[in-house]
Amino acid sequence: MKASDLFVKALEAEGVEYIFGIPGEENLDLLDSLRGSSIRLVLTRHEQAAGFMAATYGRLEGRAGVCLSTLGPGATNLVTAAGYAQLGGMPMLMITGQKPIKTSKQGLFQILDVVEMMRPLTKYTHQIVSGENIASRVREAFRVAEEERPGAVHLELPEDVAAEEVQETRLFPKDRVRRPVAEEKAIFQAVEKIERARRPLLLVGAAANRKRTSRMLQEFVDKTGIPFFTTQMGKGVIDARHPLYMGNAALSENDYLHCAVERADLIVNIGHDVVEKPPFFMDHDGFEVVHVNFFSARVDPVYFPQLEVVGDIGNSLWQILQKVEPQDHWEFDYFLQVRQWVAERAREGEDDTGFPVKPQRLVRCVREVMPATGIIALDNGVYKIWFALNYDAYAPNTVLLDNALATMGAGLPSAMAAHLCSPGERVMAICGDGGFMMNSQELETAVRLGMDLVCLILRDDAYGMIKWKQEHAGFPDYGLDLGNPDFVRYAEAYGARGHRIERSEDLVPTLASCLDTPGVHLVEVPMDYSGNQKLLDSALVCPL
C-alpha cells in the first residue's frame, strides 16, 4: 500500500473524525488517501483557524484534534494555534507537508525547518523519513498529545515519503492508560491539613474541567460543605447555582472575592497550574496551599504550595473524600457573607438599558437566552473579564475561553468546533470587533458546513482591552482606534444572516430568535465600555 494510505489508517485507528486545514501540493497523496476514508476533511480559510478548531475539539473530546497544512507559509500559520493548544492543555496533532527529502530539485523554495520551529511549541515533533515508521510515529504522537498534561504535537510527512510503497503494516494497539494515583501518605497529609484548617477554601482550575472529575468534585463539596471558587478556565466544573459557589477569580488580585481568599488559612487547589493567569498571589506569611493535580506544581514567586497530591485528580478527590470529615471548628459564615456581597456586586448594572450596551447588561442577556448546557466561545478582549466575573456556568466546558495564551481570533473557530462536537447544543461565539476580524473569513466555512450558530460581534471600533490599559496607565489615547465594515452586509456576503442591535431592549429577543432559527447568524452589538474602570476599582475594602 501507499504510505499515505497507512498514515490515514493509523489516524482512523486513533478514532479521528475530522481533519481541519488547508492542503497544499505536498499533501496531495495524503489528500487522496483521505478521500476514501471515514475521516471528514473540514476545509478552512486559514490554517490558524484550523488549529483553533482542532485544539477546541481536543479540549471538548479529550482526544487529540487534528489539523493539516502544507509546508512553509502553511506551517508557520499554525504557530499561534500550537501555542494555544500547548499552553491551554488541549490535545492536538498538527500534520504538515514538506518537499521531497530524498531527491529534491527545488533548492530552498518555501523550505523552513518546521520540525525545529515546532520544537519549543510542542510536546513532540518529528519528521517521518520512512513509510515503514508511520504506524509507530502516529501512535506515539497521539499518546503524547493526550497524556497529562495534554498539548500540541507535530508530524511532518514529506511528499516523497507519503508516495512510498510500504508493506502491509500492523497498527499499534491503542490501550487506555491508567493514570498513576497519588501516594497514600500525601492523601493523609492533605486530609490532616484540611481538617486542621479553620477557614479552608476550594479552588477549581482548568485541569479539573473534565467530565470524570466534575461528579467527584460535586460530591466533595457536598460532603465537606467547603465553599469553592474557580479560575477562568475552571468555570462550570460545578454548577454555579450551587449555594457554596463563591465566584470566579477573573483577576489575579483585587477581585471581589479576594477579600475571602485573604481570610482563608488553606486553599485546596484542584487542577490549577501557573500557565493560567494566577487566580491569587501567594506570599510567605499568608495562607497555605494544597496542590491537587495530575502533575507536580511549577513553583514561581506567587505559587509555591506547601503540599502536593500528584496523581489522577478524580482518584485523589475520591481518596480524600473517603477520609475527610467535616469539622465543628470550620468557620464559613464570613465566606458566605462575601458570596452574597460578590453576587450583588456582579449584578450591578445588569438592568441598565442605556445604549450602546453596557457589558454587565450584555452578560445578563446572554445568560438569559442560553440554555443550561448551551456553549459560549469567547474571543479575547476586556469583555472576557466581564463574562468570567458575571456569567454563571452550569456545566463543564460550556464557557470556552483562553486564559493561557489569551490569543485573539479564536472565538469563532472554537464555536465552530463546539458545534461539530455537540451538534444538538446551542452555540454562540462572542467576539470583539478586533478579534473577530482576525478570522472573520471562517463565516464562509460555517455557512458551507451548514452550521447552526450565532456570532456576537461586540463593536467599539478599537482594540478596547489595550485602550483600557492605556488609559489606566495614564497614557494619552493613541494608536488603538480602528474602522469596521458594515457587519450586517459583511455577514450577508458570506451567506449568513446579519442583525444589528439598535437599542438594548432588542438584545434578548434578537438573540433568542437567532438561537432558534437554523443557520449562521451574526449580531452586531455596539458596546459602551466606559465602566471598565470598575474592574480595577473592585479593590474597594470589603464592607463586611
Protein backbone atom coordinates (compact mmCIF):
# COMPACT_ATOMS: atom_id res chain seq x y z
CA MET A 1 0.00 0.00 0.00
CA LYS A 2 0.97 3.62 -0.30
CA ALA A 3 2.49 5.24 2.78
CA SER A 4 -0.20 7.91 2.81
CA ASP A 5 -2.86 5.15 2.97
CA LEU A 6 -1.09 3.70 6.00
CA PHE A 7 -0.97 7.14 7.59
CA VAL A 8 -4.73 7.55 7.20
CA LYS A 9 -5.41 4.05 8.54
CA ALA A 10 -3.33 4.91 11.59
CA LEU A 11 -5.40 8.09 12.08
CA GLU A 12 -8.63 6.09 11.77
CA ALA A 13 -7.36 3.66 14.39
CA GLU A 14 -6.97 6.62 16.76
CA GLY A 15 -10.64 7.50 16.27
CA VAL A 16 -10.03 10.65 14.21
CA GLU A 17 -13.33 12.07 12.94
CA TYR A 18 -12.19 15.37 11.42
CA ILE A 19 -9.08 16.92 9.97
CA PHE A 20 -9.21 20.71 9.85
CA GLY A 21 -6.99 22.59 7.47
CA ILE A 22 -5.75 23.63 4.06
CA PRO A 23 -3.83 21.09 1.96
CA GLY A 24 -1.05 22.05 -0.42
CA GLU A 25 0.63 20.25 -3.28
CA GLU A 26 2.91 18.45 -0.80
CA ASN A 27 -0.21 16.87 0.77
CA LEU A 28 -1.81 15.53 -2.42
CA ASP A 29 -1.10 11.85 -1.73
CA LEU A 30 -2.46 12.24 1.80
CA LEU A 31 -5.49 14.12 0.46
CA ASP A 32 -6.25 11.30 -1.96
CA SER A 33 -5.96 8.75 0.85
CA LEU A 34 -8.40 10.78 2.96
CA ARG A 35 -10.88 10.77 0.07
CA GLY A 36 -11.65 7.09 0.59
CA SER A 37 -11.53 7.13 4.38
CA SER A 38 -14.05 7.65 7.18
CA ILE A 39 -12.35 10.92 8.17
CA ARG A 40 -14.05 14.16 7.20
CA LEU A 41 -11.81 16.92 5.85
CA VAL A 42 -13.01 20.32 7.07
CA LEU A 43 -11.52 22.82 4.64
CA THR A 44 -10.95 26.17 6.36
CA ARG A 45 -9.97 29.58 5.04
CA HIS A 46 -6.87 29.95 7.23
CA GLU A 47 -4.57 27.44 8.90
CA GLN A 48 -4.71 29.34 12.19
CA ALA A 49 -8.47 28.79 12.37
CA ALA A 50 -7.95 25.12 11.56
CA GLY A 51 -5.57 24.86 14.51
CA PHE A 52 -8.01 26.59 16.85
CA MET A 53 -10.74 24.18 15.76
CA ALA A 54 -8.52 21.14 16.28
CA ALA A 55 -7.42 22.33 19.73
CA THR A 56 -11.00 23.02 20.81
CA TYR A 57 -12.06 19.58 19.57
CA GLY A 58 -9.30 18.13 21.76
CA ARG A 59 -10.44 20.17 24.74
CA LEU A 60 -14.04 19.01 24.42
CA GLU A 61 -13.49 15.38 23.43
CA GLY A 62 -10.34 14.55 25.39
CA ARG A 63 -8.87 13.07 22.17
CA ALA A 64 -6.36 14.90 20.00
CA GLY A 65 -7.91 17.10 17.35
CA VAL A 66 -6.06 17.04 14.04
CA CYS A 67 -5.16 19.89 11.69
CA LEU A 68 -3.34 19.90 8.37
CA SER A 69 -1.20 22.32 6.43
CA THR A 70 1.36 22.35 3.68
CA LEU A 71 4.99 23.34 4.20
CA GLY A 72 6.43 26.84 4.69
CA PRO A 73 3.74 29.51 4.99
CA GLY A 74 1.02 26.97 5.77
CA ALA A 75 3.07 25.55 8.63
CA THR A 76 4.00 28.96 10.03
CA ASN A 77 0.30 29.85 10.13
CA LEU A 78 -0.18 27.03 12.65
CA VAL A 79 2.27 28.50 15.15
CA THR A 80 -0.28 30.55 17.13
CA ALA A 81 -2.64 27.58 17.31
CA ALA A 82 0.24 25.43 18.57
CA GLY A 83 0.81 27.86 21.41
CA TYR A 84 -2.94 27.99 22.07
CA ALA A 85 -3.14 24.21 22.46
CA GLN A 86 0.13 23.82 24.33
CA LEU A 87 -0.50 26.46 26.97
CA GLY A 88 -4.20 25.66 27.21
CA GLY A 89 -3.64 21.93 27.82
CA MET A 90 -5.59 20.88 24.71
CA PRO A 91 -4.52 17.70 22.85
CA MET A 92 -3.83 18.46 19.18
CA LEU A 93 -1.87 16.88 16.32
CA MET A 94 -0.53 19.11 13.54
CA ILE A 95 0.35 17.41 10.24
CA THR A 96 2.47 19.42 7.83
CA GLY A 97 3.75 18.57 4.38
CA GLN A 98 7.26 19.03 3.07
CA LYS A 99 9.14 18.91 -0.24
CA PRO A 100 10.77 15.59 -1.13
CA ILE A 101 13.65 14.96 1.25
CA LYS A 102 15.46 12.32 -0.81
CA THR A 103 15.55 13.70 -4.35
CA SER A 104 14.51 17.37 -4.05
CA LYS A 105 15.33 19.54 -7.07
CA GLN A 106 13.73 22.79 -5.91
CA GLY A 107 16.51 24.26 -3.82
CA LEU A 108 15.25 26.08 -0.76
CA PHE A 109 11.98 27.31 -2.27
CA GLN A 110 9.45 27.50 0.61
CA ILE A 111 11.73 25.37 2.78
CA LEU A 112 11.79 26.00 6.51
CA ASP A 113 12.92 23.63 9.23
CA VAL A 114 9.38 23.16 10.52
CA VAL A 115 10.34 20.42 12.97
CA GLU A 116 12.77 22.71 14.75
CA MET A 117 10.32 25.59 14.54
CA MET A 118 7.71 23.50 16.35
CA ARG A 119 10.06 22.11 18.99
CA PRO A 120 9.61 24.82 21.65
CA LEU A 121 5.85 24.94 20.99
CA THR A 122 5.01 21.24 21.26
CA LYS A 123 5.40 18.15 23.40
CA TYR A 124 6.64 16.12 20.43
CA THR A 125 7.72 16.95 16.87
CA HIS A 126 9.11 14.58 14.25
CA GLN A 127 9.81 14.31 10.53
CA ILE A 128 8.77 10.94 9.11
CA VAL A 129 11.67 9.73 6.95
CA SER A 130 10.34 6.26 6.07
CA GLY A 131 6.87 4.94 5.40
CA GLU A 132 7.68 1.89 7.50
CA ASN A 133 7.77 4.09 10.62
CA ILE A 134 4.39 5.73 10.14
CA ALA A 135 2.31 3.46 12.40
CA SER A 136 4.59 3.86 15.42
CA ARG A 137 5.05 7.61 14.93
CA VAL A 138 1.32 8.26 14.73
CA ARG A 139 0.62 6.13 17.81
CA GLU A 140 3.35 7.91 19.77
CA ALA A 141 2.14 11.35 18.69
CA PHE A 142 -1.38 10.67 19.95
CA ARG A 143 -0.12 9.10 23.16
CA VAL A 144 1.99 12.14 23.98
CA ALA A 145 -0.69 14.66 22.96
CA GLU A 146 -3.35 13.08 25.15
CA GLU A 147 -1.41 12.17 28.29
CA GLU A 148 -1.47 14.65 31.15
CA ARG A 149 -0.64 17.44 30.72
CA PRO A 150 -2.28 17.42 27.21
CA GLY A 151 -0.87 19.63 24.48
CA ALA A 152 0.29 20.03 20.90
CA VAL A 153 2.31 17.53 18.86
CA HIS A 154 3.54 17.69 15.27
CA LEU A 155 4.36 15.27 12.46
CA GLU A 156 5.93 16.27 9.15
CA LEU A 157 5.10 13.97 6.24
CA PRO A 158 7.34 14.75 3.24
CA GLU A 159 5.89 14.42 -0.24
CA ASP A 160 8.15 11.58 -1.38
CA VAL A 161 7.68 9.60 1.83
CA ALA A 162 3.90 9.88 1.51
CA ALA A 163 4.14 8.40 -2.01
CA GLU A 164 6.29 5.42 -0.99
CA GLU A 165 5.03 1.87 -1.29
CA VAL A 166 5.16 0.07 2.03
CA GLN A 167 4.46 -3.43 3.21
CA GLU A 168 1.13 -4.08 4.89
CA THR A 169 2.00 -2.89 8.39
CA ARG A 170 0.14 -3.80 11.54
CA LEU A 171 -1.02 -0.83 13.57
CA PHE A 172 0.00 -0.42 17.18
CA PRO A 173 -2.73 -1.14 19.74
CA LYS A 174 -4.30 1.82 21.49
CA ASP A 175 -4.51 0.90 25.15
CA ARG A 176 -6.27 3.03 27.72
CA VAL A 177 -3.52 4.09 30.09
CA ARG A 178 -4.48 4.06 33.73
CA ARG A 179 -3.15 7.23 35.30
CA PRO A 180 -0.93 6.95 38.37
CA VAL A 181 -2.67 7.57 41.68
CA ALA A 182 -1.41 9.76 44.48
CA GLU A 183 0.72 8.35 47.26
CA GLU A 184 -1.30 7.38 50.33
CA LYS A 185 0.95 9.46 52.58
CA ALA A 186 0.14 12.59 50.56
CA ILE A 187 -3.58 11.81 50.85
CA PHE A 188 -3.35 11.53 54.64
CA GLN A 189 -1.37 14.76 54.84
CA ALA A 190 -3.98 16.56 52.72
CA VAL A 191 -6.79 15.28 54.93
CA GLU A 192 -4.88 16.38 58.01
CA LYS A 193 -4.33 19.90 56.65
CA ILE A 194 -7.98 20.25 55.58
CA GLU A 195 -9.34 19.08 58.92
CA ARG A 196 -6.90 21.21 60.90
CA ALA A 197 -7.65 24.41 58.96
CA ARG A 198 -10.21 26.86 60.34
CA ARG A 199 -11.15 28.58 57.07
CA PRO A 200 -10.40 26.28 54.11
CA LEU A 201 -11.43 27.23 50.56
CA LEU A 202 -11.53 25.11 47.40
CA LEU A 203 -10.18 26.42 44.07
CA VAL A 204 -11.23 24.69 40.83
CA GLY A 205 -8.90 25.13 37.85
CA ALA A 206 -8.64 24.13 34.20
CA ALA A 207 -7.36 20.56 34.66
CA ALA A 208 -10.47 19.77 36.73
CA ASN A 209 -12.67 20.67 33.75
CA ARG A 210 -13.13 17.04 32.80
CA LYS A 211 -16.40 15.11 32.87
CA ARG A 212 -14.91 12.40 35.04
CA THR A 213 -13.75 14.98 37.62
CA SER A 214 -16.90 17.07 37.85
CA ARG A 215 -19.01 14.49 39.69
CA MET A 216 -16.31 13.74 42.26
CA LEU A 217 -15.80 17.44 42.95
CA GLN A 218 -19.53 17.87 43.44
CA GLU A 219 -19.54 15.05 45.99
CA PHE A 220 -16.52 16.54 47.75
CA VAL A 221 -18.19 19.94 48.14
CA ASP A 222 -21.50 18.41 49.22
CA LYS A 223 -19.90 16.25 51.91
CA THR A 224 -17.49 18.79 53.35
CA GLY A 225 -19.50 21.99 52.88
CA ILE A 226 -16.30 23.84 51.93
CA PRO A 227 -17.03 26.91 49.74
CA PHE A 228 -15.34 26.99 46.34
CA PHE A 229 -14.32 29.42 43.61
CA THR A 230 -12.93 28.91 40.12
CA THR A 231 -10.30 30.14 37.73
CA GLN A 232 -11.49 31.42 34.37
CA MET A 233 -10.83 28.04 32.71
CA GLY A 234 -12.39 26.16 35.62
CA LYS A 235 -15.83 27.68 35.16
CA GLY A 236 -18.66 25.16 35.10
CA VAL A 237 -16.93 22.18 36.69
CA ILE A 238 -19.54 22.54 39.44
CA ASP A 239 -22.84 24.25 38.65
CA ALA A 240 -22.53 27.94 39.58
CA ARG A 241 -26.01 27.75 41.10
CA HIS A 242 -24.55 25.67 43.94
CA PRO A 243 -25.06 27.52 47.25
CA LEU A 244 -21.34 27.23 48.09
CA TYR A 245 -20.07 28.81 44.85
CA MET A 246 -18.11 31.97 45.76
CA GLY A 247 -17.46 33.27 42.25
CA ASN A 248 -14.70 33.45 39.65
CA ALA A 249 -11.18 34.81 40.13
CA ALA A 250 -11.19 36.76 36.87
CA LEU A 251 -8.37 38.98 38.10
CA SER A 252 -5.18 37.96 39.85
CA GLU A 253 -5.61 40.42 42.68
CA ASN A 254 -8.15 42.91 43.98
CA ASP A 255 -11.04 40.87 42.62
CA TYR A 256 -14.33 40.94 44.51
CA LEU A 257 -13.74 37.57 46.15
CA HIS A 258 -10.13 38.16 47.12
CA CYS A 259 -11.30 39.51 50.47
CA ALA A 260 -12.43 35.93 51.17
CA VAL A 261 -9.23 34.43 49.75
CA GLU A 262 -7.15 36.65 52.02
CA ARG A 263 -9.15 35.50 55.08
CA ALA A 264 -8.60 31.80 54.26
CA ASP A 265 -5.87 29.86 56.00
CA LEU A 266 -5.84 26.97 53.48
CA ILE A 267 -6.69 26.74 49.78
CA VAL A 268 -7.15 23.30 48.27
CA ASN A 269 -6.14 23.90 44.67
CA ILE A 270 -7.79 21.39 42.32
CA GLY A 271 -6.40 21.39 38.80
CA HIS A 272 -4.72 24.77 38.50
CA ASP A 273 -1.17 25.44 37.38
CA VAL A 274 0.79 28.59 36.66
CA VAL A 275 0.20 28.51 32.89
CA GLU A 276 -3.21 30.05 33.50
CA LYS A 277 -3.21 33.64 34.76
CA PRO A 278 -2.93 33.37 38.57
CA PRO A 279 -6.24 33.40 40.47
CA PHE A 280 -4.39 34.70 43.55
CA PHE A 281 -0.90 35.61 44.69
CA MET A 282 0.76 33.69 47.50
CA ASP A 283 3.15 35.21 49.99
CA HIS A 284 5.25 33.56 52.65
CA ASP A 285 3.15 34.86 55.53
CA GLY A 286 -0.25 34.06 54.05
CA PHE A 287 -2.47 31.03 53.57
CA GLU A 288 -1.15 27.56 52.78
CA VAL A 289 -1.96 25.71 49.54
CA VAL A 290 -2.54 22.03 48.86
CA HIS A 291 -1.84 21.36 45.17
CA VAL A 292 -4.00 18.54 43.74
CA ASN A 293 -3.24 17.81 40.10
CA PHE A 294 -2.12 15.26 37.54
CA PHE A 295 1.39 16.71 37.72
CA SER A 296 3.56 18.43 40.28
CA ALA A 297 3.49 22.19 40.76
CA ARG A 298 5.70 24.53 38.82
CA VAL A 299 6.92 26.86 41.52
CA ASP A 300 7.19 30.58 40.85
CA PRO A 301 7.27 33.68 43.10
CA VAL A 302 3.48 33.75 43.54
CA TYR A 303 2.78 30.00 43.66
CA PHE A 304 4.66 27.62 45.96
CA PRO A 305 2.29 25.05 47.53
CA GLN A 306 3.18 23.52 50.88
CA LEU A 307 1.77 20.08 49.94
CA GLU A 308 1.36 18.34 46.59
CA VAL A 309 -1.05 15.48 45.87
CA VAL A 310 0.08 14.26 42.47
CA GLY A 311 -1.96 11.72 40.53
CA ASP A 312 -5.29 11.33 38.80
CA ILE A 313 -7.43 14.21 40.11
CA GLY A 314 -10.65 12.22 40.29
CA ASN A 315 -8.99 9.42 42.22
CA SER A 316 -7.21 11.85 44.57
CA LEU A 317 -10.50 13.55 45.37
CA TRP A 318 -12.14 10.17 45.95
CA GLN A 319 -9.39 9.11 48.34
CA ILE A 320 -9.56 12.37 50.27
CA LEU A 321 -13.35 12.19 50.30
CA GLN A 322 -13.29 8.74 51.94
CA LYS A 323 -11.17 10.01 54.81
CA VAL A 324 -12.01 13.66 55.45
CA GLU A 325 -14.71 14.59 57.94
CA PRO A 326 -16.40 17.98 58.34
CA GLN A 327 -15.10 19.80 61.41
CA ASP A 328 -17.03 21.78 64.02
CA HIS A 329 -14.29 24.42 64.14
CA TRP A 330 -14.58 25.32 60.44
CA GLU A 331 -15.67 28.93 60.02
CA PHE A 332 -17.58 29.62 56.80
CA ASP A 333 -20.03 32.35 57.86
CA TYR A 334 -17.74 35.13 56.63
CA PHE A 335 -17.19 33.38 53.29
CA LEU A 336 -20.92 33.03 52.73
CA GLN A 337 -21.43 36.71 53.52
CA VAL A 338 -18.74 37.54 50.96
CA ARG A 339 -20.51 35.25 48.50
CA GLN A 340 -23.69 37.32 48.84
CA TRP A 341 -21.74 40.57 48.51
CA VAL A 342 -19.92 39.33 45.41
CA ALA A 343 -23.22 38.27 43.82
CA GLU A 344 -24.70 41.70 44.48
CA ARG A 345 -21.67 43.48 43.03
CA ALA A 346 -21.82 41.26 39.94
CA ARG A 347 -25.43 42.24 39.34
CA GLU A 348 -24.73 45.96 39.43
CA GLY A 349 -25.52 47.50 36.06
CA GLU A 350 -27.22 44.48 34.53
CA ASP A 351 -30.57 46.28 34.46
CA ASP A 352 -29.10 49.34 32.73
CA THR A 353 -30.97 49.70 29.43
CA GLY A 354 -28.77 52.51 28.16
CA PHE A 355 -27.36 52.32 24.65
CA PRO A 356 -24.73 51.42 23.50
CA VAL A 357 -24.93 48.29 25.63
CA LYS A 358 -23.01 48.01 28.90
CA PRO A 359 -21.06 44.74 29.37
CA GLN A 360 -22.95 43.83 32.56
CA ARG A 361 -26.23 44.08 30.66
CA LEU A 362 -24.82 42.03 27.79
CA VAL A 363 -23.73 39.20 30.09
CA ARG A 364 -27.14 39.02 31.72
CA CYS A 365 -28.89 38.91 28.33
CA VAL A 366 -26.64 36.14 27.01
CA ARG A 367 -27.18 34.06 30.16
CA GLU A 368 -30.93 34.61 29.85
CA VAL A 369 -31.15 33.21 26.31
CA MET A 370 -28.59 30.39 26.56
CA PRO A 371 -29.84 27.00 27.81
CA ALA A 372 -28.06 25.39 30.76
CA THR A 373 -25.90 23.21 28.51
CA GLY A 374 -25.50 25.80 25.74
CA ILE A 375 -21.91 26.70 24.86
CA ILE A 376 -20.39 30.16 24.57
CA ALA A 377 -16.94 30.54 22.98
CA LEU A 378 -15.19 33.76 23.92
CA ASP A 379 -12.54 35.51 21.90
CA ASN A 380 -10.11 37.75 23.80
CA GLY A 381 -10.90 41.27 24.92
CA VAL A 382 -11.99 43.14 28.01
CA TYR A 383 -15.48 41.63 27.71
CA LYS A 384 -13.93 38.25 28.58
CA ILE A 385 -13.29 39.52 32.11
CA TRP A 386 -16.92 40.61 32.46
CA PHE A 387 -18.10 37.17 31.33
CA ALA A 388 -15.65 35.46 33.68
CA LEU A 389 -16.99 37.51 36.59
CA ASN A 390 -20.71 37.62 35.84
CA TYR A 391 -21.66 34.71 33.58
CA ASP A 392 -22.70 31.68 35.60
CA ALA A 393 -21.69 28.38 34.00
CA TYR A 394 -23.95 25.44 34.79
CA ALA A 395 -21.98 22.56 33.22
CA PRO A 396 -18.35 21.69 32.36
CA ASN A 397 -16.88 23.25 29.21
CA THR A 398 -19.91 25.41 28.49
CA VAL A 399 -17.72 28.52 28.69
CA LEU A 400 -14.81 28.18 26.28
CA LEU A 401 -12.23 30.85 26.89
CA ASP A 402 -8.47 31.05 26.73
CA ASN A 403 -6.73 32.35 29.83
CA ALA A 404 -3.34 30.84 28.96
CA LEU A 405 -2.08 32.11 25.57
CA ALA A 406 -5.08 34.52 25.51
CA THR A 407 -4.89 34.99 21.77
CA MET A 408 -7.33 36.97 19.69
CA GLY A 409 -9.02 35.32 16.73
CA ALA A 410 -10.03 32.03 18.36
CA GLY A 411 -13.65 32.78 19.27
CA LEU A 412 -15.41 31.92 16.01
CA PRO A 413 -13.30 28.82 15.16
CA SER A 414 -13.75 27.49 18.72
CA ALA A 415 -17.51 27.91 18.45
CA MET A 416 -17.47 26.04 15.13
CA ALA A 417 -15.59 23.13 16.69
CA ALA A 418 -18.04 23.11 19.60
CA HIS A 419 -20.92 22.84 17.13
CA LEU A 420 -19.29 19.82 15.47
CA CYS A 421 -18.70 18.16 18.84
CA SER A 422 -22.20 18.93 20.18
CA PRO A 423 -24.49 19.47 17.19
CA GLY A 424 -27.61 19.41 19.34
CA GLU A 425 -26.48 22.24 21.63
CA ARG A 426 -26.97 25.97 21.19
CA VAL A 427 -23.59 27.56 20.43
CA MET A 428 -22.62 31.23 20.47
CA ALA A 429 -19.29 32.85 19.58
CA ILE A 430 -18.68 36.12 21.43
CA CYS A 431 -16.03 38.28 19.80
CA GLY A 432 -14.79 41.83 19.90
CA ASP A 433 -14.64 43.56 16.55
CA GLY A 434 -10.84 43.34 16.60
CA GLY A 435 -10.63 39.63 17.35
CA PHE A 436 -13.49 38.73 15.02
CA MET A 437 -11.81 40.33 12.01
CA MET A 438 -8.70 38.22 12.55
CA ASN A 439 -10.58 35.09 11.44
CA SER A 440 -13.86 36.50 10.13
CA GLN A 441 -13.41 34.66 6.83
CA GLU A 442 -14.41 31.46 8.63
CA LEU A 443 -18.02 32.63 8.37
CA GLU A 444 -17.86 31.12 4.89
CA THR A 445 -16.68 27.82 6.35
CA ALA A 446 -19.53 27.77 8.86
CA VAL A 447 -22.09 28.55 6.16
CA ARG A 448 -20.63 25.95 3.77
CA LEU A 449 -20.80 23.29 6.50
CA GLY A 450 -24.43 24.12 7.26
CA MET A 451 -23.77 25.03 10.88
CA ASP A 452 -26.30 26.47 13.31
CA LEU A 453 -24.55 29.06 15.44
CA VAL A 454 -24.68 32.69 16.49
CA CYS A 455 -21.68 35.02 16.32
CA LEU A 456 -21.99 38.04 18.56
CA ILE A 457 -19.79 40.99 17.47
CA LEU A 458 -19.13 43.49 20.27
CA ARG A 459 -18.32 46.70 18.44
CA ASP A 460 -16.36 49.55 19.97
CA ASP A 461 -14.21 50.43 16.93
CA ALA A 462 -10.98 49.97 18.87
CA TYR A 463 -8.65 47.44 20.42
CA GLY A 464 -10.57 48.06 23.62
CA MET A 465 -8.60 45.97 26.13
CA ILE A 466 -5.34 47.75 25.31
CA LYS A 467 -7.10 51.11 25.18
CA TRP A 468 -8.43 50.49 28.69
CA LYS A 469 -4.98 49.56 29.97
CA GLN A 470 -3.50 52.58 28.16
CA GLU A 471 -5.93 54.88 29.95
CA HIS A 472 -5.36 53.22 33.32
CA ALA A 473 -1.59 53.62 32.93
CA GLY A 474 -2.03 57.36 32.34
CA PHE A 475 -1.00 57.38 28.69
CA PRO A 476 -2.85 59.60 26.18
CA ASP A 477 -5.30 57.98 23.77
CA TYR A 478 -3.24 56.97 20.74
CA GLY A 479 -2.92 54.27 18.10
CA LEU A 480 -5.78 51.91 19.03
CA ASP A 481 -8.85 53.12 17.11
CA LEU A 482 -9.90 51.20 14.03
CA GLY A 483 -12.56 51.14 11.33
CA ASN A 484 -15.06 48.36 10.68
CA PRO A 485 -17.15 47.10 7.78
CA ASP A 486 -20.92 47.09 7.76
CA PHE A 487 -21.17 43.83 9.69
CA VAL A 488 -24.72 43.07 8.55
CA ARG A 489 -23.76 43.29 4.88
CA TYR A 490 -20.49 41.51 5.63
CA ALA A 491 -22.40 38.54 7.03
CA GLU A 492 -24.81 38.52 4.12
CA ALA A 493 -21.91 38.49 1.66
CA TYR A 494 -20.89 35.12 3.10
CA GLY A 495 -24.44 33.75 3.05
CA ALA A 496 -25.04 34.27 6.78
CA ARG A 497 -27.79 36.39 8.29
CA GLY A 498 -26.83 39.75 9.71
CA HIS A 499 -28.53 41.61 12.56
CA ARG A 500 -27.76 44.94 14.21
CA ILE A 501 -28.86 45.86 17.72
CA GLU A 502 -30.08 49.46 17.85
CA ARG A 503 -31.48 49.57 21.38
CA SER A 504 -30.81 47.48 24.48
CA GLU A 505 -34.38 46.19 24.65
CA ASP A 506 -33.87 44.36 21.35
CA LEU A 507 -30.94 42.28 22.55
CA VAL A 508 -32.77 39.38 24.23
CA PRO A 509 -35.46 38.86 21.57
CA THR A 510 -32.89 39.10 18.76
CA LEU A 511 -30.51 36.60 20.36
CA ALA A 512 -33.35 34.22 21.23
CA SER A 513 -34.67 34.34 17.67
CA CYS A 514 -31.21 33.70 16.20
CA LEU A 515 -30.63 30.73 18.50
CA ASP A 516 -33.96 29.22 17.47
CA THR A 517 -33.51 29.82 13.72
CA PRO A 518 -31.26 27.42 11.77
CA GLY A 519 -28.19 28.78 10.05
CA VAL A 520 -25.31 31.13 10.82
CA HIS A 521 -26.27 34.45 12.39
CA LEU A 522 -24.06 37.46 13.04
CA VAL A 523 -25.33 40.00 15.57
CA GLU A 524 -23.59 43.38 15.85
CA VAL A 525 -23.84 44.96 19.31
CA PRO A 526 -22.47 48.49 19.84
CA MET A 527 -20.74 48.48 23.25
CA ASP A 528 -20.16 51.06 25.96
CA TYR A 529 -17.03 50.14 27.93
CA SER A 530 -16.87 53.36 29.92
CA GLY A 531 -17.49 51.34 33.09
CA ASN A 532 -14.36 49.21 32.67
CA GLN A 533 -12.65 51.16 35.42
CA LYS A 534 -14.96 49.36 37.86
CA LEU A 535 -12.94 46.21 37.21
CA LEU A 536 -9.89 47.84 38.73
CA ASP A 537 -11.87 49.67 41.38
CA SER A 538 -13.07 46.32 42.72
CA ALA A 539 -10.23 46.72 45.22
CA LEU A 540 -12.71 48.60 47.39
CA VAL A 541 -12.48 47.49 51.01
CA CYS A 542 -14.94 44.70 51.65
CA PRO A 543 -17.67 46.22 53.86
CA LEU A 544 -18.20 43.00 55.81
